[in-house]
Amino acid sequence: MTPDPDVGTQPQDALAETLKRTEIQRGDSSIAGREIVQVRTEIPAGAASGWHTHPGEEVGYILAGTVQMEIEDRTTLTLHSGDGFLIPPRTSHNATDLGPETGQMLSTYITEIGKPIATFTT
């Protein structure tokens, strides 16, 4: 993986105004046309991400808190610290922190190069 000089910055995509997100690392993937981006996200108690998609897989892990994960055409999940989750590419989903503490998650995206990591859906 080639290190990115912008690591540690907040990703500039659809979720940047809703959640606190910090890009940890970004680099090339062995899959042609894909890159790997790892982001730490903080969701304040009671806040929701809003329905959105990613142009690639999201492999996530709950670091702290309790998060309700709604995924289009799937059963809603209640995730606690230590739980993992997988979201397929271009699948609309919404994460809501159930409180009382700030939810924190670590997500790794295997995404198309040059596409925004997140895009809101209606």
N, C-alpha and C. Protein backbone atom coordinates (compact mmCIF):
# COMPACT_ATOMS: atom_id res chain seq x y z
N MET A 1 0.82 -1.18 0.00
CA MET A 1 0.00 0.00 0.00
C MET A 1 0.87 1.24 0.00
N THR A 2 0.52 2.20 -0.82
CA THR A 2 1.24 3.46 -0.85
C THR A 2 0.60 4.42 0.13
N PRO A 3 1.35 4.99 1.08
CA PRO A 3 0.75 5.91 2.05
C PRO A 3 0.21 7.16 1.35
N ASP A 4 -0.85 7.71 1.89
CA ASP A 4 -1.47 8.92 1.35
C ASP A 4 -1.11 10.09 2.25
N PRO A 5 -0.66 11.22 1.68
CA PRO A 5 -0.27 12.36 2.51
C PRO A 5 -1.45 13.02 3.21
N ASP A 6 -2.68 12.72 2.78
CA ASP A 6 -3.86 13.32 3.41
C ASP A 6 -4.41 12.49 4.57
N VAL A 7 -3.72 11.42 4.94
CA VAL A 7 -4.18 10.58 6.04
C VAL A 7 -4.33 11.43 7.30
N GLY A 8 -5.38 11.17 8.05
CA GLY A 8 -5.66 11.93 9.26
C GLY A 8 -6.62 13.07 9.01
N THR A 9 -6.99 13.29 7.75
CA THR A 9 -7.95 14.34 7.42
C THR A 9 -9.35 13.75 7.39
N GLN A 10 -10.33 14.64 7.42
CA GLN A 10 -11.71 14.19 7.35
C GLN A 10 -12.09 14.00 5.89
N PRO A 11 -12.61 12.81 5.51
CA PRO A 11 -13.02 12.59 4.13
C PRO A 11 -14.04 13.63 3.70
N GLN A 12 -13.92 14.15 2.49
CA GLN A 12 -14.85 15.15 1.97
C GLN A 12 -15.87 14.44 1.09
N ASP A 13 -16.91 13.92 1.71
CA ASP A 13 -17.97 13.24 0.98
C ASP A 13 -19.29 13.57 1.66
N ALA A 14 -20.34 12.86 1.31
CA ALA A 14 -21.69 13.17 1.79
C ALA A 14 -21.82 13.13 3.30
N LEU A 15 -21.01 12.36 4.00
CA LEU A 15 -21.17 12.23 5.45
C LEU A 15 -20.35 13.23 6.25
N ALA A 16 -19.51 14.01 5.58
CA ALA A 16 -18.59 14.91 6.27
C ALA A 16 -19.30 15.94 7.15
N GLU A 17 -20.52 16.34 6.78
CA GLU A 17 -21.23 17.34 7.58
C GLU A 17 -22.04 16.73 8.71
N THR A 18 -22.26 15.42 8.67
CA THR A 18 -23.12 14.75 9.65
C THR A 18 -22.34 14.11 10.79
N LEU A 19 -21.21 13.50 10.46
CA LEU A 19 -20.45 12.70 11.43
C LEU A 19 -19.00 13.17 11.49
N LYS A 20 -18.34 12.86 12.59
CA LYS A 20 -16.89 13.12 12.67
C LYS A 20 -16.19 11.87 12.13
N ARG A 21 -15.45 12.06 11.04
CA ARG A 21 -14.78 10.94 10.40
C ARG A 21 -13.32 11.31 10.15
N THR A 22 -12.43 10.37 10.44
CA THR A 22 -11.00 10.59 10.24
C THR A 22 -10.45 9.46 9.37
N GLU A 23 -9.85 9.84 8.25
CA GLU A 23 -9.23 8.85 7.39
C GLU A 23 -7.92 8.41 8.04
N ILE A 24 -7.77 7.11 8.23
CA ILE A 24 -6.59 6.56 8.87
C ILE A 24 -5.54 6.18 7.84
N GLN A 25 -5.98 5.53 6.77
CA GLN A 25 -5.04 5.16 5.72
C GLN A 25 -5.77 4.93 4.41
N ARG A 26 -5.01 5.06 3.33
CA ARG A 26 -5.54 4.87 1.98
C ARG A 26 -4.40 4.31 1.14
N GLY A 27 -4.72 3.32 0.31
CA GLY A 27 -3.68 2.77 -0.55
C GLY A 27 -4.26 1.91 -1.65
N ASP A 28 -3.37 1.49 -2.52
CA ASP A 28 -3.75 0.67 -3.66
C ASP A 28 -4.20 -0.71 -3.20
N SER A 29 -5.13 -1.27 -3.95
CA SER A 29 -5.60 -2.64 -3.71
C SER A 29 -4.99 -3.55 -4.77
N SER A 30 -4.93 -4.84 -4.49
CA SER A 30 -4.48 -5.81 -5.49
C SER A 30 -5.59 -6.06 -6.51
N ILE A 31 -6.79 -5.55 -6.24
CA ILE A 31 -7.92 -5.68 -7.17
C ILE A 31 -7.87 -4.49 -8.12
N ALA A 32 -7.78 -4.75 -9.40
CA ALA A 32 -7.67 -3.69 -10.41
C ALA A 32 -8.81 -2.69 -10.27
N GLY A 33 -8.48 -1.39 -10.32
CA GLY A 33 -9.48 -0.34 -10.27
C GLY A 33 -10.03 -0.05 -8.88
N ARG A 34 -9.45 -0.66 -7.84
CA ARG A 34 -9.92 -0.47 -6.46
C ARG A 34 -8.82 0.08 -5.58
N GLU A 35 -9.24 0.79 -4.53
CA GLU A 35 -8.32 1.22 -3.49
C GLU A 35 -8.93 0.86 -2.15
N ILE A 36 -8.10 0.84 -1.13
CA ILE A 36 -8.55 0.52 0.23
C ILE A 36 -8.45 1.78 1.06
N VAL A 37 -9.56 2.13 1.71
CA VAL A 37 -9.61 3.33 2.55
C VAL A 37 -10.12 2.91 3.92
N GLN A 38 -9.41 3.31 4.97
CA GLN A 38 -9.83 2.99 6.32
C GLN A 38 -10.18 4.29 7.04
N VAL A 39 -11.38 4.30 7.67
CA VAL A 39 -11.91 5.50 8.30
C VAL A 39 -12.44 5.17 9.69
N ARG A 40 -12.12 6.06 10.63
CA ARG A 40 -12.71 5.98 11.98
C ARG A 40 -13.85 6.99 12.02
N THR A 41 -15.03 6.54 12.44
CA THR A 41 -16.23 7.38 12.47
C THR A 41 -16.76 7.49 13.89
N GLU A 42 -17.14 8.70 14.27
CA GLU A 42 -17.80 8.94 15.56
C GLU A 42 -19.20 9.44 15.28
N ILE A 43 -20.19 8.78 15.90
CA ILE A 43 -21.59 9.16 15.75
C ILE A 43 -22.09 9.61 17.12
N PRO A 44 -22.44 10.89 17.27
CA PRO A 44 -22.94 11.36 18.56
C PRO A 44 -24.21 10.61 18.97
N ALA A 45 -24.43 10.48 20.28
CA ALA A 45 -25.61 9.79 20.80
C ALA A 45 -26.88 10.38 20.17
N GLY A 46 -27.71 9.50 19.63
CA GLY A 46 -28.98 9.90 19.03
C GLY A 46 -28.89 10.33 17.59
N ALA A 47 -27.68 10.51 17.06
CA ALA A 47 -27.51 10.97 15.67
C ALA A 47 -27.56 9.78 14.71
N ALA A 48 -27.94 10.09 13.47
CA ALA A 48 -27.97 9.09 12.40
C ALA A 48 -27.10 9.56 11.25
N SER A 49 -26.53 8.63 10.54
CA SER A 49 -25.69 8.97 9.39
C SER A 49 -26.52 9.51 8.24
N GLY A 50 -27.75 9.04 8.12
CA GLY A 50 -28.57 9.29 6.93
C GLY A 50 -28.34 8.14 5.96
N TRP A 51 -29.34 7.84 5.16
CA TRP A 51 -29.24 6.73 4.21
C TRP A 51 -28.21 7.09 3.14
N HIS A 52 -27.26 6.18 2.92
CA HIS A 52 -26.19 6.43 1.97
C HIS A 52 -25.66 5.11 1.41
N THR A 53 -24.81 5.22 0.38
CA THR A 53 -24.17 4.06 -0.22
C THR A 53 -22.66 4.32 -0.34
N HIS A 54 -21.94 3.23 -0.62
CA HIS A 54 -20.50 3.31 -0.89
C HIS A 54 -20.24 2.58 -2.21
N PRO A 55 -19.27 3.04 -3.01
CA PRO A 55 -18.97 2.39 -4.29
C PRO A 55 -18.04 1.18 -4.12
N GLY A 56 -18.24 0.44 -3.07
CA GLY A 56 -17.45 -0.75 -2.79
C GLY A 56 -17.87 -1.31 -1.45
N GLU A 57 -17.28 -2.42 -1.07
CA GLU A 57 -17.62 -3.07 0.19
C GLU A 57 -17.20 -2.22 1.37
N GLU A 58 -17.99 -2.32 2.45
CA GLU A 58 -17.61 -1.74 3.73
C GLU A 58 -17.48 -2.89 4.72
N VAL A 59 -16.31 -3.00 5.33
CA VAL A 59 -16.05 -4.00 6.37
C VAL A 59 -15.87 -3.19 7.64
N GLY A 60 -16.81 -3.32 8.59
CA GLY A 60 -16.79 -2.45 9.76
C GLY A 60 -16.70 -3.19 11.08
N TYR A 61 -16.31 -2.42 12.09
CA TYR A 61 -16.14 -2.95 13.45
C TYR A 61 -16.54 -1.84 14.42
N ILE A 62 -17.38 -2.17 15.39
CA ILE A 62 -17.81 -1.20 16.40
C ILE A 62 -16.75 -1.13 17.50
N LEU A 63 -16.16 0.04 17.66
CA LEU A 63 -15.13 0.26 18.69
C LEU A 63 -15.74 0.59 20.04
N ALA A 64 -16.86 1.35 20.02
CA ALA A 64 -17.52 1.77 21.27
C ALA A 64 -18.96 2.12 20.98
N GLY A 65 -19.80 1.95 22.00
CA GLY A 65 -21.20 2.35 21.89
C GLY A 65 -22.10 1.26 21.34
N THR A 66 -23.33 1.66 21.07
CA THR A 66 -24.35 0.78 20.50
C THR A 66 -24.92 1.47 19.27
N VAL A 67 -24.84 0.79 18.14
CA VAL A 67 -25.25 1.37 16.86
C VAL A 67 -26.30 0.49 16.20
N GLN A 68 -27.39 1.12 15.79
CA GLN A 68 -28.41 0.41 15.01
C GLN A 68 -28.03 0.57 13.54
N MET A 69 -27.89 -0.54 12.83
CA MET A 69 -27.51 -0.51 11.42
C MET A 69 -28.68 -1.04 10.59
N GLU A 70 -29.28 -0.13 9.84
CA GLU A 70 -30.35 -0.50 8.92
C GLU A 70 -29.72 -0.66 7.55
N ILE A 71 -29.95 -1.82 6.93
CA ILE A 71 -29.38 -2.12 5.62
C ILE A 71 -30.54 -2.52 4.70
N GLU A 72 -30.61 -1.87 3.57
CA GLU A 72 -31.69 -2.11 2.61
C GLU A 72 -31.90 -3.61 2.37
N ASP A 73 -33.18 -4.03 2.47
CA ASP A 73 -33.59 -5.42 2.21
C ASP A 73 -32.98 -6.44 3.16
N ARG A 74 -32.55 -5.99 4.35
CA ARG A 74 -31.98 -6.91 5.35
C ARG A 74 -32.57 -6.60 6.72
N THR A 75 -32.39 -7.51 7.63
CA THR A 75 -32.85 -7.31 9.00
C THR A 75 -31.99 -6.24 9.67
N THR A 76 -32.62 -5.33 10.41
CA THR A 76 -31.90 -4.29 11.15
C THR A 76 -31.04 -4.93 12.22
N LEU A 77 -29.81 -4.46 12.34
CA LEU A 77 -28.87 -4.99 13.32
C LEU A 77 -28.69 -4.01 14.47
N THR A 78 -28.55 -4.54 15.69
CA THR A 78 -28.13 -3.74 16.83
C THR A 78 -26.74 -4.21 17.18
N LEU A 79 -25.77 -3.33 16.97
CA LEU A 79 -24.36 -3.68 17.11
C LEU A 79 -23.77 -3.02 18.35
N HIS A 80 -22.96 -3.78 19.06
CA HIS A 80 -22.32 -3.31 20.29
C HIS A 80 -20.81 -3.33 20.10
N SER A 81 -20.11 -2.68 21.00
CA SER A 81 -18.65 -2.68 20.98
C SER A 81 -18.13 -4.11 20.79
N GLY A 82 -17.27 -4.30 19.81
CA GLY A 82 -16.72 -5.62 19.53
C GLY A 82 -17.40 -6.35 18.39
N ASP A 83 -18.54 -5.83 17.90
CA ASP A 83 -19.27 -6.46 16.80
C ASP A 83 -18.75 -5.96 15.46
N GLY A 84 -18.77 -6.83 14.49
CA GLY A 84 -18.40 -6.48 13.12
C GLY A 84 -19.62 -6.47 12.22
N PHE A 85 -19.47 -5.86 11.04
CA PHE A 85 -20.56 -5.85 10.06
C PHE A 85 -19.98 -5.73 8.66
N LEU A 86 -20.75 -6.18 7.68
CA LEU A 86 -20.37 -6.12 6.27
C LEU A 86 -21.51 -5.49 5.50
N ILE A 87 -21.19 -4.56 4.61
CA ILE A 87 -22.20 -3.93 3.77
C ILE A 87 -21.75 -4.07 2.32
N PRO A 88 -22.60 -4.69 1.48
CA PRO A 88 -22.23 -4.86 0.06
C PRO A 88 -22.15 -3.52 -0.67
N PRO A 89 -21.44 -3.49 -1.80
CA PRO A 89 -21.33 -2.27 -2.58
C PRO A 89 -22.70 -1.75 -3.01
N ARG A 90 -22.82 -0.41 -3.06
CA ARG A 90 -24.02 0.28 -3.54
C ARG A 90 -25.31 -0.15 -2.85
N THR A 91 -25.20 -0.58 -1.59
CA THR A 91 -26.37 -0.96 -0.80
C THR A 91 -26.67 0.16 0.18
N SER A 92 -27.87 0.71 0.10
CA SER A 92 -28.26 1.82 0.96
C SER A 92 -28.35 1.36 2.41
N HIS A 93 -27.82 2.17 3.32
CA HIS A 93 -27.85 1.84 4.74
C HIS A 93 -27.79 3.11 5.58
N ASN A 94 -28.16 2.96 6.86
CA ASN A 94 -28.21 4.08 7.80
C ASN A 94 -27.75 3.58 9.16
N ALA A 95 -26.82 4.30 9.78
CA ALA A 95 -26.33 3.95 11.11
C ALA A 95 -26.81 5.00 12.10
N THR A 96 -27.41 4.55 13.20
CA THR A 96 -27.91 5.44 14.25
C THR A 96 -27.28 5.04 15.57
N ASP A 97 -26.69 6.02 16.26
CA ASP A 97 -26.14 5.73 17.58
C ASP A 97 -27.28 5.72 18.60
N LEU A 98 -27.41 4.62 19.33
CA LEU A 98 -28.50 4.48 20.30
C LEU A 98 -28.15 5.04 21.67
N GLY A 99 -26.92 5.52 21.85
CA GLY A 99 -26.52 6.13 23.11
C GLY A 99 -26.33 5.10 24.21
N PRO A 100 -26.02 5.53 25.41
CA PRO A 100 -25.91 6.93 25.80
C PRO A 100 -24.57 7.56 25.41
N GLU A 101 -23.59 6.75 24.99
CA GLU A 101 -22.28 7.30 24.64
C GLU A 101 -22.15 7.48 23.13
N THR A 102 -21.13 8.19 22.71
CA THR A 102 -20.83 8.36 21.30
C THR A 102 -20.41 7.01 20.71
N GLY A 103 -21.04 6.65 19.60
CA GLY A 103 -20.67 5.43 18.90
C GLY A 103 -19.40 5.67 18.09
N GLN A 104 -18.54 4.68 18.09
CA GLN A 104 -17.30 4.78 17.32
C GLN A 104 -17.14 3.50 16.51
N MET A 105 -16.82 3.68 15.23
CA MET A 105 -16.61 2.50 14.39
C MET A 105 -15.39 2.68 13.51
N LEU A 106 -14.81 1.58 13.14
CA LEU A 106 -13.70 1.54 12.22
C LEU A 106 -14.20 0.83 10.97
N SER A 107 -14.14 1.52 9.82
CA SER A 107 -14.60 0.94 8.56
C SER A 107 -13.48 0.90 7.55
N THR A 108 -13.39 -0.22 6.86
CA THR A 108 -12.45 -0.37 5.76
C THR A 108 -13.28 -0.53 4.50
N TYR A 109 -13.01 0.34 3.53
CA TYR A 109 -13.74 0.33 2.26
C TYR A 109 -12.82 -0.19 1.17
N ILE A 110 -13.34 -1.10 0.36
CA ILE A 110 -12.63 -1.58 -0.82
C ILE A 110 -13.43 -0.99 -1.98
N THR A 111 -12.99 0.15 -2.45
CA THR A 111 -13.83 1.01 -3.26
C THR A 111 -13.23 1.34 -4.62
N GLU A 112 -14.08 1.79 -5.52
CA GLU A 112 -13.63 2.19 -6.85
C GLU A 112 -12.77 3.45 -6.73
N ILE A 113 -11.66 3.46 -7.42
CA ILE A 113 -10.76 4.61 -7.40
C ILE A 113 -11.45 5.83 -8.00
N GLY A 114 -11.28 6.97 -7.33
CA GLY A 114 -11.81 8.23 -7.86
C GLY A 114 -13.26 8.52 -7.53
N LYS A 115 -13.95 7.61 -6.85
CA LYS A 115 -15.35 7.83 -6.47
C LYS A 115 -15.39 8.33 -5.02
N PRO A 116 -16.40 9.17 -4.68
CA PRO A 116 -16.54 9.56 -3.27
C PRO A 116 -16.83 8.31 -2.42
N ILE A 117 -16.31 8.30 -1.22
CA ILE A 117 -16.51 7.13 -0.36
C ILE A 117 -17.98 6.94 -0.02
N ALA A 118 -18.73 8.04 0.14
CA ALA A 118 -20.14 7.94 0.51
C ALA A 118 -20.97 8.92 -0.30
N THR A 119 -22.20 8.48 -0.64
CA THR A 119 -23.15 9.31 -1.37
C THR A 119 -24.52 9.09 -0.73
N PHE A 120 -25.22 10.19 -0.38
CA PHE A 120 -26.56 10.07 0.19
C PHE A 120 -27.53 9.50 -0.84
N THR A 121 -28.50 8.72 -0.34
CA THR A 121 -29.57 8.18 -1.17
C THR A 121 -30.89 8.78 -0.69
N THR A 122 -31.90 8.67 -1.49
CA THR A 122 -33.21 9.23 -1.10
C THR A 122 -34.19 8.13 -0.79
